[in-house]
């Protein structure tokens, strides 16, 4: 699918594409291609003599091939968050700056890309060229990462209250561990994305293609990324603390079970000893030569159980 946008009074306007000639006649500054088909590639090739990167070639790309210049084209590969959900993941996007047109190629639709044309920022001349669009996409990705971090903060705050202010069962602790693992996964994705965005911004600054105003914008993005780094580091520390706390609670619960079995086995040793003694072969067996032999043996065994359990209960070992 091809989404093309032209510049109108400093704002992006979407072009309705019915034929290949609509691309050239409307002079777009941004062409966004989602999951390109062979026909989409043919349109771009015939209209702009450009071979679009294939999305399947964007996976596991070498670090040295993520940003480069060649044939009067600027190529960038960046990761963008797919959404704000706890299961959100990163999607690699290929950018190509060629002939004052920004081409973007990705396999899945991203919230940053379909929200960007709806953003006017209250300034009629906010967008001047395709580089402004690229910079703004990176800026919105950083903002999305900040929003997701706020959600992670809220989720971990709820987890903290459950861990520190309530008695956790093993089943509840397992669900809490799942929530913490999801928060750690999302926090790691954000940290990776902002690191990738910082590299892309640094490459743009070194390319010397940006105007002074655009340089100010990318410096502001770098400052925002630096502030997010501190938050992600804090969240990693908090996640580690909660993991240690929950594991300690699980160990304490297991120790309670082991202690109960240990106390029970010790308390049941006296009646077993008495039963074994009464089962020995004496010359005069108490249970046969004394009419109260059996009742006395049973009473003695009961007392040998009750007294240790009462002592252990008073010491709090059974609580």
Protein backbone atom coordinates (compact mmCIF):
# COMPACT_ATOMS: atom_id res chain seq x y z
CA UNK A 1 0.00 0.00 0.00
CA UNK A 2 1.32 3.43 -0.98
CA UNK A 3 0.46 6.55 1.02
CA UNK A 4 1.71 9.76 -0.58
CA UNK A 5 1.64 13.23 0.97
CA UNK A 6 2.22 16.62 -0.58
CA UNK A 7 3.01 19.94 1.06
CA UNK A 8 0.17 22.46 1.32
CA UNK A 9 0.66 25.68 3.35
CA UNK A 10 3.19 24.03 5.61
CA UNK A 11 1.01 21.00 6.24
CA UNK A 12 0.92 17.50 4.83
CA UNK A 13 -2.00 16.59 2.60
CA UNK A 14 -2.66 13.03 1.53
CA UNK A 15 -2.81 12.33 -2.19
CA UNK A 16 -5.49 10.06 -3.61
CA UNK A 17 -3.67 7.67 -5.94
CA UNK A 18 -5.58 6.12 -8.81
CA UNK A 19 -2.76 5.73 -11.30
CA UNK A 20 1.00 5.87 -11.44
CA UNK A 21 0.98 9.36 -12.96
CA UNK A 22 -0.62 10.72 -9.76
CA UNK A 23 2.73 10.28 -8.03
CA UNK A 24 4.64 12.54 -10.41
CA UNK A 25 1.93 15.13 -11.04
CA UNK A 26 1.21 15.93 -7.38
CA UNK A 27 4.90 16.37 -6.37
CA UNK A 28 4.79 14.54 -3.04
CA UNK A 29 7.46 15.11 -0.38
CA UNK A 30 6.72 11.92 1.56
CA UNK A 31 5.83 8.49 0.18
CA UNK A 32 5.07 5.88 2.82
CA UNK A 33 4.95 2.28 1.58
CA UNK A 34 3.45 -0.37 3.89
CA UNK A 35 4.09 -4.02 3.05
CA UNK A 36 4.97 -3.19 -0.60
CA UNK A 37 3.76 -5.47 -3.35
CA UNK A 38 5.49 -6.03 -6.68
CA UNK A 39 3.11 -3.52 -8.26
CA UNK A 40 4.00 -0.90 -5.63
CA UNK A 41 7.69 -1.40 -6.33
CA UNK A 42 7.08 -1.12 -10.05
CA UNK A 43 5.26 2.20 -9.59
CA UNK A 44 8.11 3.67 -7.53
CA UNK A 45 10.72 2.32 -9.92
CA UNK A 46 9.05 3.80 -12.99
CA UNK A 47 8.18 7.12 -11.35
CA UNK A 48 11.46 7.84 -9.52
CA UNK A 49 13.96 5.24 -10.74
CA UNK A 50 14.36 4.00 -7.17
CA UNK A 51 14.56 0.43 -5.96
CA UNK A 52 12.73 0.23 -2.65
CA UNK A 53 14.40 -1.79 0.11
CA UNK A 54 12.62 -5.05 0.79
CA UNK A 55 11.22 -5.32 4.34
CA UNK A 56 12.48 -8.89 4.71
CA UNK A 57 16.02 -7.58 4.14
CA UNK A 58 15.68 -5.18 7.07
CA UNK A 59 15.80 -7.90 9.69
CA UNK A 60 19.11 -8.65 11.35
CA UNK A 61 20.87 -6.03 9.28
CA UNK A 62 24.48 -5.28 10.13
CA UNK A 63 25.13 -2.17 12.19
CA UNK A 64 27.46 -0.75 9.53
CA UNK A 65 24.66 -0.90 6.92
CA UNK A 66 22.01 0.92 8.91
CA UNK A 67 23.05 4.44 7.85
CA UNK A 68 24.88 5.30 4.65
CA UNK A 69 24.94 7.59 1.62
CA UNK A 70 25.16 6.56 -2.02
CA UNK A 71 23.95 7.56 -5.48
CA UNK A 72 22.75 10.92 -4.17
CA UNK A 73 20.54 9.03 -1.70
CA UNK A 74 20.52 8.96 2.07
CA UNK A 75 19.59 5.59 3.60
CA UNK A 76 18.57 5.03 7.21
CA UNK A 77 17.24 2.00 9.09
CA UNK A 78 15.44 2.69 12.38
CA UNK A 79 13.25 0.83 14.86
CA UNK A 80 9.80 2.18 15.80
CA UNK A 81 7.40 0.97 18.47
CA UNK A 82 4.35 -0.79 17.12
CA UNK A 83 2.06 0.42 19.93
CA UNK A 84 1.61 1.14 23.62
CA UNK A 85 0.52 -2.34 24.67
CA UNK A 86 2.56 -4.43 27.09
CA UNK A 87 3.26 -6.88 24.25
CA UNK A 88 4.42 -4.12 21.92
CA UNK A 89 7.45 -4.81 19.78
CA UNK A 90 9.73 -2.94 17.42
CA UNK A 91 9.32 -2.71 13.65
CA UNK A 92 12.25 -1.78 11.44
CA UNK A 93 11.62 1.06 8.99
CA UNK A 94 13.78 1.89 5.97
CA UNK A 95 14.08 5.59 5.06
CA UNK A 96 15.44 6.84 1.76
CA UNK A 97 15.97 10.55 1.10
CA UNK A 98 16.13 11.06 -2.64
CA UNK A 99 15.34 14.12 -4.75
CA UNK A 100 13.72 16.06 -1.88
CA UNK A 101 11.33 13.14 -1.29
CA UNK A 102 11.25 10.97 1.80
CA UNK A 103 10.51 7.29 1.12
CA UNK A 104 9.64 5.05 4.07
CA UNK A 105 9.19 1.29 3.83
CA UNK A 106 7.93 -1.00 6.59
CA UNK A 107 6.02 -4.26 6.91
CA UNK A 108 3.32 -3.13 9.36
CA UNK A 109 1.38 0.06 9.88
CA UNK A 110 2.79 2.12 12.73
CA UNK A 111 0.89 4.61 14.94
CA UNK A 112 3.55 7.29 14.47
CA UNK A 113 3.16 7.18 10.69
CA UNK A 114 -0.59 7.49 10.47
CA UNK A 115 -0.71 10.10 13.26
CA UNK A 116 1.93 12.33 11.71
CA UNK A 117 -0.25 13.74 8.86
CA UNK A 118 -2.91 14.65 11.44
CA UNK A 119 -0.47 16.74 13.48
CA UNK A 120 -0.33 20.43 12.60
CA UNK A 121 1.45 21.71 15.71
CA UNK A 122 -0.55 24.93 15.39
CA UNK A 123 1.98 26.33 12.90
CA UNK A 124 0.99 26.81 9.25
CA UNK A 125 4.61 26.65 8.02
CA UNK A 126 5.88 23.92 10.29
CA UNK A 127 6.93 21.58 7.45
CA UNK A 128 9.21 22.97 4.77
CA UNK A 129 10.73 19.88 3.19
CA UNK A 130 11.05 16.12 3.51
CA UNK A 131 13.78 16.39 6.16
CA UNK A 132 11.29 18.12 8.45
CA UNK A 133 8.99 15.12 8.05
CA UNK A 134 11.79 12.70 8.93
CA UNK A 135 12.84 14.70 11.97
CA UNK A 136 9.24 14.96 13.13
CA UNK A 137 8.76 11.20 12.80
CA UNK A 138 11.75 10.63 15.06
CA UNK A 139 10.41 13.25 17.48
CA UNK A 140 7.00 11.58 17.63
CA UNK A 141 8.63 8.19 18.19
CA UNK A 142 10.46 9.64 21.20
CA UNK A 143 7.18 11.06 22.48
CA UNK A 144 5.51 7.68 22.05
CA UNK A 145 8.36 6.07 23.99
CA UNK A 146 7.83 8.60 26.78
CA UNK A 147 4.10 7.79 26.87
CA UNK A 148 4.84 4.07 27.06
CA UNK A 149 7.32 4.69 29.88
CA UNK A 150 4.59 6.48 31.82
CA UNK A 151 2.43 3.40 31.44
CA UNK A 152 5.30 1.21 32.66
CA UNK A 153 5.65 3.49 35.69
CA UNK A 154 1.93 3.07 36.46
CA UNK A 155 2.03 -0.71 36.03
CA UNK A 156 5.10 -1.08 38.25
CA UNK A 157 3.49 1.18 40.86
CA UNK A 158 0.55 -1.21 41.04
CA UNK A 159 2.92 -4.16 41.25
CA UNK A 160 4.85 -2.46 44.07
CA UNK A 161 1.69 -1.95 46.10
CA UNK A 162 0.77 -5.61 45.64
CA UNK A 163 4.23 -6.82 46.62
CA UNK A 164 4.89 -4.53 49.58
CA UNK A 165 1.41 -4.07 51.06
CA UNK A 166 -0.20 -7.48 50.72
CA UNK A 167 0.48 -11.11 51.53
CA UNK A 168 1.35 -12.78 48.28
CA UNK A 169 0.41 -16.36 47.53
CA UNK A 170 2.47 -18.42 45.12
CA UNK A 171 -0.25 -18.14 42.46
CA UNK A 172 -0.49 -14.35 42.84
CA UNK A 173 3.30 -14.04 42.82
CA UNK A 174 3.45 -15.92 39.51
CA UNK A 175 1.05 -13.43 37.89
CA UNK A 176 3.06 -10.53 39.31
CA UNK A 177 6.23 -12.01 37.83
CA UNK A 178 4.54 -12.11 34.42
CA UNK A 179 3.65 -8.41 34.72
CA UNK A 180 7.21 -7.55 35.70
CA UNK A 181 8.60 -9.55 32.78
CA UNK A 182 6.32 -7.68 30.38
CA UNK A 183 7.41 -4.34 31.85
CA UNK A 184 11.07 -5.34 31.49
CA UNK A 185 10.51 -6.39 27.88
CA UNK A 186 8.78 -3.11 27.04
CA UNK A 187 11.42 -1.07 28.85
CA UNK A 188 14.15 -2.87 26.95
CA UNK A 189 12.42 -2.17 23.62
CA UNK A 190 12.17 1.51 24.48
CA UNK A 191 15.81 1.69 25.47
CA UNK A 192 16.82 0.04 22.21
CA UNK A 193 14.58 2.32 20.15
CA UNK A 194 15.84 5.55 21.69
CA UNK A 195 19.43 4.35 21.26
CA UNK A 196 18.70 3.64 17.59
CA UNK A 197 17.02 7.04 17.22
CA UNK A 198 20.05 8.75 18.75
CA UNK A 199 22.31 7.05 16.21
CA UNK A 200 20.04 8.09 13.34
CA UNK A 201 19.91 11.69 14.56
CA UNK A 202 23.70 11.77 14.94
CA UNK A 203 24.06 10.48 11.39
CA UNK A 204 21.75 13.22 10.10
CA UNK A 205 23.78 15.84 11.94
CA UNK A 206 27.02 14.52 10.43
CA UNK A 207 25.51 14.46 6.94
CA UNK A 208 25.44 18.30 6.92
CA UNK A 209 22.10 18.30 5.10
CA UNK A 210 20.13 20.01 7.87
CA UNK A 211 19.35 23.69 8.14
CA UNK A 212 20.19 25.61 11.35
CA UNK A 213 16.56 25.39 12.47
CA UNK A 214 16.51 21.66 11.83
CA UNK A 215 19.76 21.31 13.78
CA UNK A 216 18.03 22.97 16.74
CA UNK A 217 15.17 20.49 16.43
CA UNK A 218 17.43 17.43 16.41
CA UNK A 219 19.39 18.78 19.39
CA UNK A 220 16.11 19.02 21.28
CA UNK A 221 15.36 15.40 20.34
CA UNK A 222 18.77 14.37 21.69
CA UNK A 223 17.97 16.12 24.98
CA UNK A 224 14.64 14.29 25.19
CA UNK A 225 16.40 10.99 24.54
CA UNK A 226 18.95 11.72 27.28
CA UNK A 227 16.12 12.33 29.73
CA UNK A 228 14.49 9.03 28.73
CA UNK A 229 17.76 7.19 29.34
CA UNK A 230 17.62 8.16 33.00
CA UNK A 231 14.05 6.92 33.30
CA UNK A 232 14.79 3.57 31.63
CA UNK A 233 17.78 3.05 33.95
CA UNK A 234 15.61 3.78 36.98
CA UNK A 235 12.96 1.36 35.74
CA UNK A 236 15.57 -1.38 35.28
CA UNK A 237 16.67 -0.88 38.90
CA UNK A 238 13.07 -0.94 40.10
CA UNK A 239 12.31 -4.07 38.11
CA UNK A 240 15.36 -5.80 39.60
CA UNK A 241 14.26 -4.78 43.11
CA UNK A 242 10.75 -6.13 42.57
CA UNK A 243 12.13 -9.37 41.12
CA UNK A 244 14.35 -9.87 44.17
CA UNK A 245 11.47 -9.02 46.51
CA UNK A 246 9.09 -11.50 44.88
CA UNK A 247 11.70 -14.25 44.78
CA UNK A 248 12.35 -13.63 48.49
CA UNK A 249 8.62 -13.92 49.19
CA UNK A 250 8.44 -17.18 47.23
CA UNK A 251 11.44 -18.52 49.16
CA UNK A 252 9.79 -17.51 52.44
CA UNK A 253 6.58 -19.32 51.44
CA UNK A 254 8.56 -22.43 50.58
CA UNK A 255 10.47 -22.22 53.85
CA UNK A 256 7.16 -22.12 55.72
CA UNK A 257 6.10 -25.37 54.07
CA UNK A 258 9.46 -27.01 54.77
CA UNK A 259 9.37 -25.77 58.37
CA UNK A 260 5.86 -27.21 58.86
CA UNK A 261 7.00 -30.62 57.64
CA UNK A 262 10.13 -30.42 59.81
CA UNK A 263 8.17 -29.51 62.92
CA UNK A 264 5.58 -32.20 62.22
CA UNK A 265 8.24 -34.88 61.76
CA UNK A 266 9.93 -33.90 65.03
CA UNK A 267 6.60 -33.81 66.90
CA UNK A 268 5.68 -37.28 65.63
CA UNK A 269 8.93 -38.91 66.68
CA UNK A 270 7.87 -39.59 70.35
CA UNK A 271 4.71 -41.57 69.51
CA UNK A 272 6.66 -43.59 66.95
CA UNK A 273 9.29 -44.30 69.61
CA UNK A 274 6.63 -45.36 72.13
CA UNK A 275 4.92 -47.61 69.58
CA UNK A 276 8.21 -49.25 68.69
CA UNK A 277 9.04 -49.86 72.35
CA UNK A 278 5.64 -51.39 73.05
CA UNK A 279 6.04 -53.59 70.02
CA UNK A 280 9.22 -55.26 71.36
CA UNK A 281 9.12 -58.86 72.71
CA UNK A 282 9.29 -58.61 76.52
CA UNK A 283 8.96 -61.51 78.95
CA UNK A 284 5.92 -59.77 80.35
CA UNK A 285 4.23 -57.71 77.64
CA UNK A 286 2.31 -54.78 79.18
CA UNK A 287 -0.55 -54.91 76.71
CA UNK A 288 -1.13 -58.63 77.49
CA UNK A 289 -0.37 -58.80 81.23
CA UNK A 290 -2.00 -55.52 82.24
CA UNK A 291 -5.61 -54.74 81.49
CA UNK A 292 -4.88 -51.03 81.04
CA UNK A 293 -1.83 -51.63 78.83
CA UNK A 294 -3.40 -50.66 75.53
CA UNK A 295 -5.25 -47.56 76.88
CA UNK A 296 -2.11 -46.41 78.68
CA UNK A 297 -0.01 -46.84 75.53
CA UNK A 298 -2.50 -44.92 73.43
CA UNK A 299 -2.74 -42.14 76.05
CA UNK A 300 1.03 -41.89 76.27
CA UNK A 301 1.29 -41.68 72.48
CA UNK A 302 -1.40 -38.96 72.37
CA UNK A 303 0.35 -36.93 75.06
CA UNK A 304 3.67 -37.28 73.23
CA UNK A 305 2.01 -35.71 70.18
CA UNK A 306 -0.03 -32.99 71.89
CA UNK A 307 2.71 -31.69 74.17
CA UNK A 308 5.33 -31.03 71.41
CA UNK A 309 2.71 -29.44 69.15
CA UNK A 310 1.57 -27.19 71.99
CA UNK A 311 5.14 -26.14 72.70
CA UNK A 312 5.80 -25.45 69.01
CA UNK A 313 2.57 -23.46 68.77
CA UNK A 314 3.55 -21.32 71.74
CA UNK A 315 6.88 -20.57 70.07
CA UNK A 316 5.07 -19.56 66.87
CA UNK A 317 6.61 -22.27 64.71
CA UNK A 318 3.22 -23.42 63.41
CA UNK A 319 1.90 -19.98 62.45
